[in-house]
Each structure stands twice: as C-alpha cells, then as structure tokens.
Amino acid sequence: MYLGIDISKDQLDCHKLDNEYSEAKQFKNNIKGIKALVIWSANCEQVVMEATGVYWQSCAFAIHEAGIAVSVVNPARIKNFGKMNLVRGKTDKMDAKLIAEFAQMTKPKLWHPPTYKDQELQILVRERETLVADLTQLNNRKHAHEHRQLFPTSVQSCLLQHIELLKSQIKYLENEIEALCQEELQDSYQVLRSIPGIGAVTASVLLSETYALKHFYDAKQLAAFTGIAPKPHESGNTKRKSPISKIGNKRIRKAFYLAALKASQHDSFKDFYNRIAKRANSKKLALIALARKLLVIAFTLVKSKQLFDPDFLKTRP
C-alpha cells in the first residue's frame, strides 16, 4: 500500500493505492488533521509527498515519528512523471493519485528528519539571506530617492532608520550563526574556512543546506544536488555541453560562485582559473569550473577532516 499526499497550506489531499485498492481522502493541514492522517496511513508501506514550501514539514515529521516510511520528493519529479504518463488536467485529488502512482512505481529514497540544531542553523542562515535581500532593496530605494528633485527629510529618516535596523539584525544573526557553527560543527566549519575563497557565509550555507553533508556519499552526488554539474547535450551531429545543469540547490550554487570570484585571485587557484578561462575563452565558464572544484575540495576535506593544504594543489592537474 502506497500513499500519495498533495500538500497545500490548508489541506492534505491523500490517495492510497495498491494493485487492487484505491481510496482518496482529505484532511486539514493542522494538528488534528495530521493526527487523523497518521492513523489512516498506518497500513501503508511508504508515504510520499512533495517538498512544497514549508507546509509538508509537520506532516512528514508526524508520519516519521509514527514509524512509517516517508519520502519527500522534488515537485519537478512528479510533474515529469505526469508528463511521461500523459496525465491530462490538474487538481489536488489528481495530483495525490499521481504521487501514489509515482511512489508505487519508483519507491523513492526515504526521508530522514534533520536534528533540531540542523533546522535551527538552516533557518538562521536563510533568514539572514532574506534580510540581506531586504537591505539591498532599501539601499536601492534610497539611491533612487537621492536622484529625485525632492527627497523629503521624513522619508530619508525612515529609510535610514530601517537600513540601520536591518544592518543590526543581520549582524545579530551572523553572530548567532557563528556561535552555532562553532558549537555544533566546529571541525567541519574550521575545515571549510581554511579553503581560500570560502568565508563564514559560504561555509554556513553549505553546512545548513546539506545538514553538514551527512547524507552525501561522494563529491559527484553533492555537485549534482547543488546543480554545479556538467550538462551534456548531444543530438545527431550536434554536441555541446552546458556549463552546469542549474537543477539543484540555488543557495549553495550562488554561494560557491561568489566564493570562486574570491578564490580566482588567490595563489592556490589563480593558475587553474586562468588556464580554464583561456581554454574556454570565457571567464564565466572558468568561474563555474572553479566553483565546482571548490565544492569538491570542500566535500573531500570535510569528510577526511583535514585542513586545506595549498602545497597539495601544486601536484594536481
């Protein structure tokens, strides 16, 4: 018996399915509804749901705590599965059945809940990212006002106060992130900080988005998860390779691209960057290649618990 759940903010559309049985039911996405769903899903071999914003989390944790196997999959996989099966139309009930069919056919990888500290770090890092984006937007508004003929002092005062507030909040969160990394992930954090180009922000993004690399077995898997993996394109006589797939965690991808900008000026990576830039005739492709190299080095060193050694790279291609 497989159970597919289509999750929205207020409700959970569910569909049980095996070779001879099919049943649909709807629950409220609240404490009472999730408790009823857990009881209803007790005879299921596996429960599958999409990673829809944050609305899946309470449901997934409750089902896992009840001892039922649960998988949380990328919505793109369900969408492509529907296209493959020529599904016509889209409703919440249809999506729940489609997810159940997907579960029955593919038996996706099981989901393992993160620890409270892992969750705390991810929330802190993502909230800092949001505040930085808000600060950039406010600074852009201030800049635009400064080019107006009239910039009322009241508006100027409000903007400046808001900017200073955001700066203090960002600093506060950065201190909390630093303290948490030093307390819970000190070894991995120090290893990452030893790599040229990888600062506190990049290190905390990688650790928070991958739950400290706990569920990754090799660097290729991490590169694929991040979206910094080669994307070959061959059709007939046409052969080309896109620099990256861009299907993956955009936060890590962005952080390591920015890290590559810094690392490209460092002695340890300058030759590598210049060689790729010259061969590909593209600085952007060279930065992408360097970002992937940094990611691979980061994974390898964290797993081996070794600090970065600049002399080691001199013997590498």
C-alpha atoms as a PDB file:
ATOM      1  CA  MET A   1       0.000   0.000   0.000  1.00  0.00           C
ATOM      2  CA  TYR A   2       1.379   3.365  -1.056  1.00  0.00           C
ATOM      3  CA  LEU A   3       0.062   6.749  -0.013  1.00  0.00           C
ATOM      4  CA  GLY A   4       0.489   9.919  -2.048  1.00  0.00           C
ATOM      5  CA  ILE A   5      -0.157  13.299  -0.403  1.00  0.00           C
ATOM      6  CA  ASP A   6      -0.674  16.568  -2.255  1.00  0.00           C
ATOM      7  CA  ILE A   7       0.032  19.317   0.245  1.00  0.00           C
ATOM      8  CA  SER A   8      -1.276  22.858   0.324  1.00  0.00           C
ATOM      9  CA  LYS A   9      -1.344  25.484   3.021  1.00  0.00           C
ATOM     10  CA  ASP A  10      -4.716  24.422   4.444  1.00  0.00           C
ATOM     11  CA  GLN A  11      -5.369  20.857   3.343  1.00  0.00           C
ATOM     12  CA  LEU A  12      -3.852  17.451   2.624  1.00  0.00           C
ATOM     13  CA  ASP A  13      -5.298  15.558  -0.342  1.00  0.00           C
ATOM     14  CA  CYS A  14      -4.386  11.895   0.083  1.00  0.00           C
ATOM     15  CA  HIS A  15      -4.655   8.781  -2.066  1.00  0.00           C
ATOM     16  CA  LYS A  16      -3.981   5.173  -1.028  1.00  0.00           C
ATOM     17  CA  LEU A  17      -3.059   2.755  -3.761  1.00  0.00           C
ATOM     18  CA  ASP A  18      -2.027  -0.839  -4.342  1.00  0.00           C
ATOM     19  CA  ASN A  19      -2.671  -3.323  -7.150  1.00  0.00           C
ATOM     20  CA  GLU A  20      -6.294  -3.937  -6.185  1.00  0.00           C
ATOM     21  CA  TYR A  21      -7.264  -0.990  -3.980  1.00  0.00           C
ATOM     22  CA  SER A  22      -7.643   2.753  -4.384  1.00  0.00           C
ATOM     23  CA  GLU A  23      -9.045   5.271  -1.914  1.00  0.00           C
ATOM     24  CA  ALA A  24      -8.937   9.062  -1.663  1.00  0.00           C
ATOM     25  CA  LYS A  25      -9.411  11.179   1.441  1.00  0.00           C
ATOM     26  CA  GLN A  26      -8.838  14.764   2.506  1.00  0.00           C
ATOM     27  CA  PHE A  27      -7.515  16.096   5.822  1.00  0.00           C
ATOM     28  CA  LYS A  28      -6.924  19.554   7.243  1.00  0.00           C
ATOM     29  CA  ASN A  29      -3.295  20.627   7.363  1.00  0.00           C
ATOM     30  CA  ASN A  30      -3.345  21.230  11.101  1.00  0.00           C
ATOM     31  CA  ILE A  31      -2.546  19.243  14.247  1.00  0.00           C
ATOM     32  CA  LYS A  32      -5.911  17.491  14.375  1.00  0.00           C
ATOM     33  CA  GLY A  33      -5.920  16.671  10.666  1.00  0.00           C
ATOM     34  CA  ILE A  34      -2.364  15.341  10.688  1.00  0.00           C
ATOM     35  CA  LYS A  35      -3.123  13.089  13.674  1.00  0.00           C
ATOM     36  CA  ALA A  36      -6.085  11.626  11.767  1.00  0.00           C
ATOM     37  CA  LEU A  37      -3.899  11.167   8.686  1.00  0.00           C
ATOM     38  CA  VAL A  38      -1.256   9.270  10.666  1.00  0.00           C
ATOM     39  CA  ILE A  39      -3.913   6.827  11.918  1.00  0.00           C
ATOM     40  CA  TRP A  40      -5.315   6.421   8.374  1.00  0.00           C
ATOM     41  CA  SER A  41      -1.857   5.740   6.914  1.00  0.00           C
ATOM     42  CA  ALA A  42      -0.866   3.096   9.497  1.00  0.00           C
ATOM     43  CA  ASN A  43      -1.126   0.209   6.997  1.00  0.00           C
ATOM     44  CA  CYS A  44       0.941   1.937   4.300  1.00  0.00           C
ATOM     45  CA  GLU A  45       4.350   0.656   3.256  1.00  0.00           C
ATOM     46  CA  GLN A  46       5.506   4.104   2.137  1.00  0.00           C
ATOM     47  CA  VAL A  47       4.115   7.638   2.199  1.00  0.00           C
ATOM     48  CA  VAL A  48       5.288  10.087  -0.461  1.00  0.00           C
ATOM     49  CA  MET A  49       4.764  13.849  -0.603  1.00  0.00           C
ATOM     50  CA  GLU A  50       6.197  16.816  -2.469  1.00  0.00           C
ATOM     51  CA  ALA A  51       8.524  19.360  -0.892  1.00  0.00           C
ATOM     52  CA  THR A  52       6.003  22.207  -1.097  1.00  0.00           C
ATOM     53  CA  GLY A  53       7.442  25.249   0.645  1.00  0.00           C
ATOM     54  CA  VAL A  54       7.401  24.518   4.386  1.00  0.00           C
ATOM     55  CA  TYR A  55       3.854  23.135   4.533  1.00  0.00           C
ATOM     56  CA  TRP A  56       4.979  19.495   4.257  1.00  0.00           C
ATOM     57  CA  GLN A  57       7.213  19.516   7.310  1.00  0.00           C
ATOM     58  CA  SER A  58       4.709  18.954  10.147  1.00  0.00           C
ATOM     59  CA  CYS A  59       3.100  16.137   8.194  1.00  0.00           C
ATOM     60  CA  ALA A  60       6.431  14.447   7.353  1.00  0.00           C
ATOM     61  CA  PHE A  61       7.718  14.640  10.932  1.00  0.00           C
ATOM     62  CA  ALA A  62       4.470  13.198  12.351  1.00  0.00           C
ATOM     63  CA  ILE A  63       4.412  10.274   9.898  1.00  0.00           C
ATOM     64  CA  HIS A  64       8.099   9.513  10.503  1.00  0.00           C
ATOM     65  CA  GLU A  65       7.649   9.626  14.276  1.00  0.00           C
ATOM     66  CA  ALA A  66       4.813   7.089  13.882  1.00  0.00           C
ATOM     67  CA  GLY A  67       7.310   4.655  12.381  1.00  0.00           C
ATOM     68  CA  ILE A  68       6.002   4.853   8.819  1.00  0.00           C
ATOM     69  CA  ALA A  69       8.436   5.166   5.900  1.00  0.00           C
ATOM     70  CA  VAL A  70       8.130   8.596   4.305  1.00  0.00           C
ATOM     71  CA  SER A  71       9.718  10.201   1.242  1.00  0.00           C
ATOM     72  CA  VAL A  72       9.811  13.887   0.357  1.00  0.00           C
ATOM     73  CA  VAL A  73      10.476  14.409  -3.350  1.00  0.00           C
ATOM     74  CA  ASN A  74      11.185  17.321  -5.653  1.00  0.00           C
ATOM     75  CA  PRO A  75       7.903  18.510  -7.271  1.00  0.00           C
ATOM     76  CA  ALA A  76       9.675  18.507 -10.649  1.00  0.00           C
ATOM     77  CA  ARG A  77       9.930  14.704 -10.463  1.00  0.00           C
ATOM     78  CA  ILE A  78       6.178  14.368 -10.009  1.00  0.00           C
ATOM     79  CA  LYS A  79       5.499  16.843 -12.801  1.00  0.00           C
ATOM     80  CA  ASN A  80       7.763  14.962 -15.217  1.00  0.00           C
ATOM     81  CA  PHE A  81       6.241  11.640 -14.133  1.00  0.00           C
ATOM     82  CA  GLY A  82       2.813  13.035 -15.011  1.00  0.00           C
ATOM     83  CA  LYS A  83       4.028  14.148 -18.424  1.00  0.00           C
ATOM     84  CA  MET A  84       5.527  10.718 -19.054  1.00  0.00           C
ATOM     85  CA  ASN A  85       2.172   9.114 -18.273  1.00  0.00           C
ATOM     86  CA  LEU A  86       0.252  11.663 -20.390  1.00  0.00           C
ATOM     87  CA  VAL A  87      -1.780  12.936 -17.445  1.00  0.00           C
ATOM     88  CA  ARG A  88      -4.341  15.460 -18.661  1.00  0.00           C
ATOM     89  CA  GLY A  89      -5.649  18.015 -16.208  1.00  0.00           C
ATOM     90  CA  LYS A  90      -4.569  19.045 -12.737  1.00  0.00           C
ATOM     91  CA  THR A  91      -6.472  19.015  -9.474  1.00  0.00           C
ATOM     92  CA  ASP A  92      -5.337  18.339  -5.928  1.00  0.00           C
ATOM     93  CA  LYS A  93      -7.060  14.937  -5.970  1.00  0.00           C
ATOM     94  CA  MET A  94      -5.472  14.025  -9.305  1.00  0.00           C
ATOM     95  CA  ASP A  95      -2.059  15.106  -8.003  1.00  0.00           C
ATOM     96  CA  ALA A  96      -2.439  12.936  -4.874  1.00  0.00           C
ATOM     97  CA  LYS A  97      -3.210   9.882  -7.022  1.00  0.00           C
ATOM     98  CA  LEU A  98      -0.313  10.705  -9.339  1.00  0.00           C
ATOM     99  CA  ILE A  99       2.065  10.890  -6.343  1.00  0.00           C
ATOM    100  CA  ALA A 100       0.790   7.499  -5.125  1.00  0.00           C
ATOM    101  CA  GLU A 101       1.402   6.004  -8.588  1.00  0.00           C
ATOM    102  CA  PHE A 102       4.867   7.552  -8.609  1.00  0.00           C
ATOM    103  CA  ALA A 103       5.576   6.001  -5.193  1.00  0.00           C
ATOM    104  CA  GLN A 104       4.363   2.581  -6.293  1.00  0.00           C
ATOM    105  CA  MET A 105       6.467   2.594  -9.447  1.00  0.00           C
ATOM    106  CA  THR A 106       9.713   4.240  -8.271  1.00  0.00           C
ATOM    107  CA  LYS A 107       9.861   3.605  -4.480  1.00  0.00           C
ATOM    108  CA  PRO A 108      11.798   6.855  -3.881  1.00  0.00           C
ATOM    109  CA  LYS A 109      14.578   7.289  -1.363  1.00  0.00           C
ATOM    110  CA  LEU A 110      13.393   7.586   2.224  1.00  0.00           C
ATOM    111  CA  TRP A 111      13.470  10.909   4.040  1.00  0.00           C
ATOM    112  CA  HIS A 112      15.403  11.245   7.294  1.00  0.00           C
ATOM    113  CA  PRO A 113      14.464  14.187   9.532  1.00  0.00           C
ATOM    114  CA  PRO A 114      17.172  16.704  10.418  1.00  0.00           C
ATOM    115  CA  THR A 115      18.111  17.357  14.020  1.00  0.00           C
ATOM    116  CA  TYR A 116      16.812  20.439  15.809  1.00  0.00           C
ATOM    117  CA  LYS A 117      20.251  22.045  15.569  1.00  0.00           C
ATOM    118  CA  ASP A 118      20.363  21.368  11.816  1.00  0.00           C
ATOM    119  CA  GLN A 119      16.967  23.001  11.433  1.00  0.00           C
ATOM    120  CA  GLU A 120      17.972  25.946  13.604  1.00  0.00           C
ATOM    121  CA  LEU A 121      21.094  26.605  11.536  1.00  0.00           C
ATOM    122  CA  GLN A 122      19.202  26.438   8.255  1.00  0.00           C
ATOM    123  CA  ILE A 123      16.510  28.832   9.496  1.00  0.00           C
ATOM    124  CA  LEU A 124      19.121  31.312  10.760  1.00  0.00           C
ATOM    125  CA  VAL A 125      21.117  31.225   7.511  1.00  0.00           C
ATOM    126  CA  ARG A 126      18.048  31.598   5.304  1.00  0.00           C
ATOM    127  CA  GLU A 127      16.657  34.436   7.436  1.00  0.00           C
ATOM    128  CA  ARG A 128      19.977  36.259   7.131  1.00  0.00           C
ATOM    129  CA  GLU A 129      19.767  35.826   3.361  1.00  0.00           C
ATOM    130  CA  THR A 130      16.276  37.356   3.366  1.00  0.00           C
ATOM    131  CA  LEU A 131      17.387  40.333   5.457  1.00  0.00           C
ATOM    132  CA  VAL A 132      20.372  40.948   3.164  1.00  0.00           C
ATOM    133  CA  ALA A 133      17.999  40.996   0.174  1.00  0.00           C
ATOM    134  CA  ASP A 134      15.739  43.452   2.037  1.00  0.00           C
ATOM    135  CA  LEU A 135      18.753  45.654   2.815  1.00  0.00           C
ATOM    136  CA  THR A 136      19.793  45.688  -0.838  1.00  0.00           C
ATOM    137  CA  GLN A 137      16.276  46.682  -1.845  1.00  0.00           C
ATOM    138  CA  LEU A 138      16.205  49.500   0.722  1.00  0.00           C
ATOM    139  CA  ASN A 139      19.581  50.826  -0.403  1.00  0.00           C
ATOM    140  CA  ASN A 140      18.345  50.813  -3.998  1.00  0.00           C
ATOM    141  CA  ARG A 141      15.252  52.793  -2.961  1.00  0.00           C
ATOM    142  CA  LYS A 142      17.413  55.279  -1.073  1.00  0.00           C
ATOM    143  CA  HIS A 143      19.677  55.658  -4.117  1.00  0.00           C
ATOM    144  CA  ALA A 144      16.657  56.276  -6.367  1.00  0.00           C
ATOM    145  CA  HIS A 145      15.250  58.901  -3.973  1.00  0.00           C
ATOM    146  CA  GLU A 146      18.587  60.696  -3.915  1.00  0.00           C
ATOM    147  CA  HIS A 147      18.238  61.295  -7.657  1.00  0.00           C
ATOM    148  CA  ARG A 148      14.797  62.875  -7.310  1.00  0.00           C
ATOM    149  CA  GLN A 149      14.387  66.621  -7.289  1.00  0.00           C
ATOM    150  CA  LEU A 150      12.746  66.300  -3.861  1.00  0.00           C
ATOM    151  CA  PHE A 151      13.756  63.856  -1.131  1.00  0.00           C
ATOM    152  CA  PRO A 152      11.646  64.700   1.961  1.00  0.00           C
ATOM    153  CA  THR A 153      13.600  64.502   5.206  1.00  0.00           C
ATOM    154  CA  SER A 154      10.816  62.388   6.756  1.00  0.00           C
ATOM    155  CA  VAL A 155      11.227  59.705   4.064  1.00  0.00           C
ATOM    156  CA  GLN A 156      15.005  59.942   4.303  1.00  0.00           C
ATOM    157  CA  SER A 157      14.854  59.483   8.078  1.00  0.00           C
ATOM    158  CA  CYS A 158      12.568  56.442   7.800  1.00  0.00           C
ATOM    159  CA  LEU A 159      14.801  54.792   5.216  1.00  0.00           C
ATOM    160  CA  LEU A 160      17.985  55.431   7.178  1.00  0.00           C
ATOM    161  CA  GLN A 161      16.450  54.059  10.376  1.00  0.00           C
ATOM    162  CA  HIS A 162      15.198  50.982   8.546  1.00  0.00           C
ATOM    163  CA  ILE A 163      18.613  50.431   6.953  1.00  0.00           C
ATOM    164  CA  GLU A 164      20.395  50.678  10.288  1.00  0.00           C
ATOM    165  CA  LEU A 165      17.872  48.299  11.865  1.00  0.00           C
ATOM    166  CA  LEU A 166      18.434  45.715   9.137  1.00  0.00           C
ATOM    167  CA  LYS A 167      22.210  46.022   9.481  1.00  0.00           C
ATOM    168  CA  SER A 168      21.992  45.377  13.220  1.00  0.00           C
ATOM    169  CA  GLN A 169      19.649  42.410  12.697  1.00  0.00           C
ATOM    170  CA  ILE A 170      21.964  40.914  10.073  1.00  0.00           C
ATOM    171  CA  LYS A 171      24.936  41.309  12.401  1.00  0.00           C
ATOM    172  CA  TYR A 172      22.971  39.682  15.224  1.00  0.00           C
ATOM    173  CA  LEU A 173      22.067  36.669  13.066  1.00  0.00           C
ATOM    174  CA  GLU A 174      25.656  36.361  11.823  1.00  0.00           C
ATOM    175  CA  ASN A 175      26.854  36.180  15.438  1.00  0.00           C
ATOM    176  CA  GLU A 176      24.235  33.515  16.198  1.00  0.00           C
ATOM    177  CA  ILE A 177      25.239  31.507  13.106  1.00  0.00           C
ATOM    178  CA  GLU A 178      28.932  31.750  14.005  1.00  0.00           C
ATOM    179  CA  ALA A 179      28.248  30.611  17.566  1.00  0.00           C
ATOM    180  CA  LEU A 180      26.107  27.678  16.428  1.00  0.00           C
ATOM    181  CA  CYS A 181      28.675  26.543  13.854  1.00  0.00           C
ATOM    182  CA  GLN A 182      31.471  26.757  16.415  1.00  0.00           C
ATOM    183  CA  GLU A 183      29.402  24.882  18.979  1.00  0.00           C
ATOM    184  CA  GLU A 184      27.892  22.081  16.875  1.00  0.00           C
ATOM    185  CA  LEU A 185      30.027  21.836  13.722  1.00  0.00           C
ATOM    186  CA  GLN A 186      33.377  23.220  14.771  1.00  0.00           C
ATOM    187  CA  ASP A 187      35.566  20.702  12.911  1.00  0.00           C
ATOM    188  CA  SER A 188      33.705  20.965   9.593  1.00  0.00           C
ATOM    189  CA  TYR A 189      33.365  24.727   9.911  1.00  0.00           C
ATOM    190  CA  GLN A 190      37.081  25.230  10.517  1.00  0.00           C
ATOM    191  CA  VAL A 191      37.964  22.954   7.601  1.00  0.00           C
ATOM    192  CA  LEU A 192      35.753  24.955   5.247  1.00  0.00           C
ATOM    193  CA  ARG A 193      37.109  28.278   6.488  1.00  0.00           C
ATOM    194  CA  SER A 194      40.644  27.092   5.712  1.00  0.00           C
ATOM    195  CA  ILE A 195      39.842  26.909   1.965  1.00  0.00           C
ATOM    196  CA  PRO A 196      40.675  30.138   0.061  1.00  0.00           C
ATOM    197  CA  GLY A 197      37.530  31.937  -1.076  1.00  0.00           C
ATOM    198  CA  ILE A 198      35.233  30.196   1.401  1.00  0.00           C
ATOM    199  CA  GLY A 199      34.268  32.586   4.164  1.00  0.00           C
ATOM    200  CA  ALA A 200      31.813  32.394   7.029  1.00  0.00           C
ATOM    201  CA  VAL A 201      28.746  32.883   4.816  1.00  0.00           C
ATOM    202  CA  THR A 202      29.668  30.229   2.236  1.00  0.00           C
ATOM    203  CA  ALA A 203      30.643  27.739   4.935  1.00  0.00           C
ATOM    204  CA  SER A 204      27.393  28.239   6.851  1.00  0.00           C
ATOM    205  CA  VAL A 205      25.309  27.996   3.661  1.00  0.00           C
ATOM    206  CA  LEU A 206      26.896  24.664   2.715  1.00  0.00           C
ATOM    207  CA  LEU A 207      26.564  23.201   6.211  1.00  0.00           C
ATOM    208  CA  SER A 208      22.981  24.388   6.667  1.00  0.00           C
ATOM    209  CA  GLU A 209      21.648  23.367   3.242  1.00  0.00           C
ATOM    210  CA  THR A 210      23.221  19.889   3.348  1.00  0.00           C
ATOM    211  CA  TYR A 211      22.780  19.244   7.080  1.00  0.00           C
ATOM    212  CA  ALA A 212      26.574  19.145   7.425  1.00  0.00           C
ATOM    213  CA  LEU A 213      26.974  16.811   4.426  1.00  0.00           C
ATOM    214  CA  LYS A 214      25.599  13.881   6.444  1.00  0.00           C
ATOM    215  CA  HIS A 215      23.716  12.168   3.630  1.00  0.00           C
ATOM    216  CA  PHE A 216      26.209  12.601   0.787  1.00  0.00           C
ATOM    217  CA  TYR A 217      28.500   9.744  -0.219  1.00  0.00           C
ATOM    218  CA  ASP A 218      30.732  11.398  -2.791  1.00  0.00           C
ATOM    219  CA  ALA A 219      31.524  14.775  -4.334  1.00  0.00           C
ATOM    220  CA  LYS A 220      29.665  13.983  -7.580  1.00  0.00           C
ATOM    221  CA  GLN A 221      26.439  13.477  -5.634  1.00  0.00           C
ATOM    222  CA  LEU A 222      26.941  16.819  -3.899  1.00  0.00           C
ATOM    223  CA  ALA A 223      27.690  18.573  -7.207  1.00  0.00           C
ATOM    224  CA  ALA A 224      24.505  17.131  -8.697  1.00  0.00           C
ATOM    225  CA  PHE A 225      22.491  18.213  -5.644  1.00  0.00           C
ATOM    226  CA  THR A 226      23.888  21.709  -5.988  1.00  0.00           C
ATOM    227  CA  GLY A 227      23.430  21.988  -9.740  1.00  0.00           C
ATOM    228  CA  ILE A 228      27.127  22.567 -10.407  1.00  0.00           C
ATOM    229  CA  ALA A 229      27.396  19.502 -12.614  1.00  0.00           C
ATOM    230  CA  PRO A 230      28.119  19.290 -16.368  1.00  0.00           C
ATOM    231  CA  LYS A 231      25.053  19.090 -18.585  1.00  0.00           C
ATOM    232  CA  PRO A 232      25.913  17.331 -21.868  1.00  0.00           C
ATOM    233  CA  HIS A 233      23.704  17.901 -24.909  1.00  0.00           C
ATOM    234  CA  GLU A 234      24.066  15.541 -27.864  1.00  0.00           C
ATOM    235  CA  SER A 235      21.659  15.116 -30.742  1.00  0.00           C
ATOM    236  CA  GLY A 236      22.776  13.722 -34.097  1.00  0.00           C
ATOM    237  CA  ASN A 237      25.873  15.591 -35.137  1.00  0.00           C
ATOM    238  CA  THR A 238      25.223  18.339 -32.584  1.00  0.00           C
ATOM    239  CA  LYS A 239      27.361  18.042 -29.497  1.00  0.00           C
ATOM    240  CA  ARG A 240      27.693  20.715 -26.876  1.00  0.00           C
ATOM    241  CA  LYS A 241      27.997  20.922 -23.131  1.00  0.00           C
ATOM    242  CA  SER A 242      26.195  23.413 -20.946  1.00  0.00           C
ATOM    243  CA  PRO A 243      28.451  24.539 -18.075  1.00  0.00           C
ATOM    244  CA  ILE A 244      26.012  23.474 -15.343  1.00  0.00           C
ATOM    245  CA  SER A 245      22.626  21.822 -15.065  1.00  0.00           C
ATOM    246  CA  LYS A 246      21.158  24.512 -12.745  1.00  0.00           C
ATOM    247  CA  ILE A 247      18.863  21.819 -11.345  1.00  0.00           C
ATOM    248  CA  GLY A 248      19.677  21.834  -7.674  1.00  0.00           C
ATOM    249  CA  ASN A 249      20.157  23.961  -4.585  1.00  0.00           C
ATOM    250  CA  LYS A 250      20.500  27.533  -5.813  1.00  0.00           C
ATOM    251  CA  ARG A 251      21.684  28.836  -2.441  1.00  0.00           C
ATOM    252  CA  ILE A 252      24.817  26.677  -2.464  1.00  0.00           C
ATOM    253  CA  ARG A 253      25.334  27.370  -6.174  1.00  0.00           C
ATOM    254  CA  LYS A 254      25.239  31.128  -5.625  1.00  0.00           C
ATOM    255  CA  ALA A 255      27.476  30.969  -2.534  1.00  0.00           C
ATOM    256  CA  PHE A 256      30.170  28.947  -4.296  1.00  0.00           C
ATOM    257  CA  TYR A 257      30.070  31.098  -7.410  1.00  0.00           C
ATOM    258  CA  LEU A 258      30.797  34.126  -5.210  1.00  0.00           C
ATOM    259  CA  ALA A 259      33.478  32.119  -3.419  1.00  0.00           C
ATOM    260  CA  ALA A 260      35.041  31.341  -6.805  1.00  0.00           C
ATOM    261  CA  LEU A 261      35.287  35.065  -7.535  1.00  0.00           C
ATOM    262  CA  LYS A 262      37.480  35.462  -4.446  1.00  0.00           C
ATOM    263  CA  ALA A 263      39.413  32.234  -4.944  1.00  0.00           C
ATOM    264  CA  SER A 264      40.299  33.134  -8.558  1.00  0.00           C
ATOM    265  CA  GLN A 265      42.619  35.833  -7.190  1.00  0.00           C
ATOM    266  CA  HIS A 266      44.294  33.538  -4.683  1.00  0.00           C
ATOM    267  CA  ASP A 267      47.648  31.927  -5.489  1.00  0.00           C
ATOM    268  CA  SER A 268      46.255  28.429  -4.898  1.00  0.00           C
ATOM    269  CA  PHE A 269      43.633  28.724  -7.650  1.00  0.00           C
ATOM    270  CA  LYS A 270      44.826  31.537  -9.898  1.00  0.00           C
ATOM    271  CA  ASP A 271      46.603  29.245 -12.380  1.00  0.00           C
ATOM    272  CA  PHE A 272      43.620  26.888 -12.600  1.00  0.00           C
ATOM    273  CA  TYR A 273      41.225  29.781 -13.218  1.00  0.00           C
ATOM    274  CA  ASN A 274      43.443  31.426 -15.862  1.00  0.00           C
ATOM    275  CA  ARG A 275      44.008  28.129 -17.659  1.00  0.00           C
ATOM    276  CA  ILE A 276      40.277  27.376 -17.927  1.00  0.00           C
ATOM    277  CA  ALA A 277      39.435  30.963 -18.893  1.00  0.00           C
ATOM    278  CA  LYS A 278      41.985  30.860 -21.717  1.00  0.00           C
ATOM    279  CA  ARG A 279      40.952  27.431 -22.975  1.00  0.00           C
ATOM    280  CA  ALA A 280      37.206  28.161 -22.875  1.00  0.00           C
ATOM    281  CA  ASN A 281      37.623  31.810 -23.835  1.00  0.00           C
ATOM    282  CA  SER A 282      35.164  32.641 -21.081  1.00  0.00           C
ATOM    283  CA  LYS A 283      35.716  33.998 -17.575  1.00  0.00           C
ATOM    284  CA  LYS A 284      32.232  32.878 -16.562  1.00  0.00           C
ATOM    285  CA  LEU A 285      32.909  29.253 -17.509  1.00  0.00           C
ATOM    286  CA  ALA A 286      36.198  29.430 -15.622  1.00  0.00           C
ATOM    287  CA  LEU A 287      34.414  30.694 -12.511  1.00  0.00           C
ATOM    288  CA  ILE A 288      31.839  27.896 -12.767  1.00  0.00           C
ATOM    289  CA  ALA A 289      34.627  25.323 -13.100  1.00  0.00           C
ATOM    290  CA  LEU A 290      36.386  26.825 -10.101  1.00  0.00           C
ATOM    291  CA  ALA A 291      33.157  26.847  -8.076  1.00  0.00           C
ATOM    292  CA  ARG A 292      32.756  23.126  -8.752  1.00  0.00           C
ATOM    293  CA  LYS A 293      36.409  22.498  -7.825  1.00  0.00           C
ATOM    294  CA  LEU A 294      35.907  24.374  -4.546  1.00  0.00           C
ATOM    295  CA  LEU A 295      32.813  22.303  -3.814  1.00  0.00           C
ATOM    296  CA  VAL A 296      34.667  19.042  -4.461  1.00  0.00           C
ATOM    297  CA  ILE A 297      37.611  20.138  -2.299  1.00  0.00           C
ATOM    298  CA  ALA A 298      35.225  21.227   0.460  1.00  0.00           C
ATOM    299  CA  PHE A 299      33.471  17.845   0.481  1.00  0.00           C
ATOM    300  CA  THR A 300      36.737  15.883   0.413  1.00  0.00           C
ATOM    301  CA  LEU A 301      38.363  17.836   3.218  1.00  0.00           C
ATOM    302  CA  VAL A 302      35.294  17.810   5.465  1.00  0.00           C
ATOM    303  CA  LYS A 303      34.918  14.047   5.081  1.00  0.00           C
ATOM    304  CA  SER A 304      38.625  13.458   5.725  1.00  0.00           C
ATOM    305  CA  LYS A 305      38.725  16.104   8.495  1.00  0.00           C
ATOM    306  CA  GLN A 306      41.803  17.783   7.014  1.00  0.00           C
ATOM    307  CA  LEU A 307      42.556  21.478   6.672  1.00  0.00           C
ATOM    308  CA  PHE A 308      43.327  22.923   3.258  1.00  0.00           C
ATOM    309  CA  ASP A 309      46.950  22.451   2.142  1.00  0.00           C
ATOM    310  CA  PRO A 310      47.953  24.864  -0.656  1.00  0.00           C
ATOM    311  CA  ASP A 311      51.038  22.800  -1.484  1.00  0.00           C
ATOM    312  CA  PHE A 312      48.875  19.773  -2.314  1.00  0.00           C
ATOM    313  CA  LEU A 313      47.305  21.523  -5.310  1.00  0.00           C
ATOM    314  CA  LYS A 314      50.691  22.127  -6.873  1.00  0.00           C
ATOM    315  CA  THR A 315      50.915  18.413  -7.626  1.00  0.00           C
ATOM    316  CA  ARG A 316      47.382  18.239  -9.047  1.00  0.00           C
ATOM    317  CA  PRO A 317      46.314  18.913 -12.661  1.00  0.00           C
END
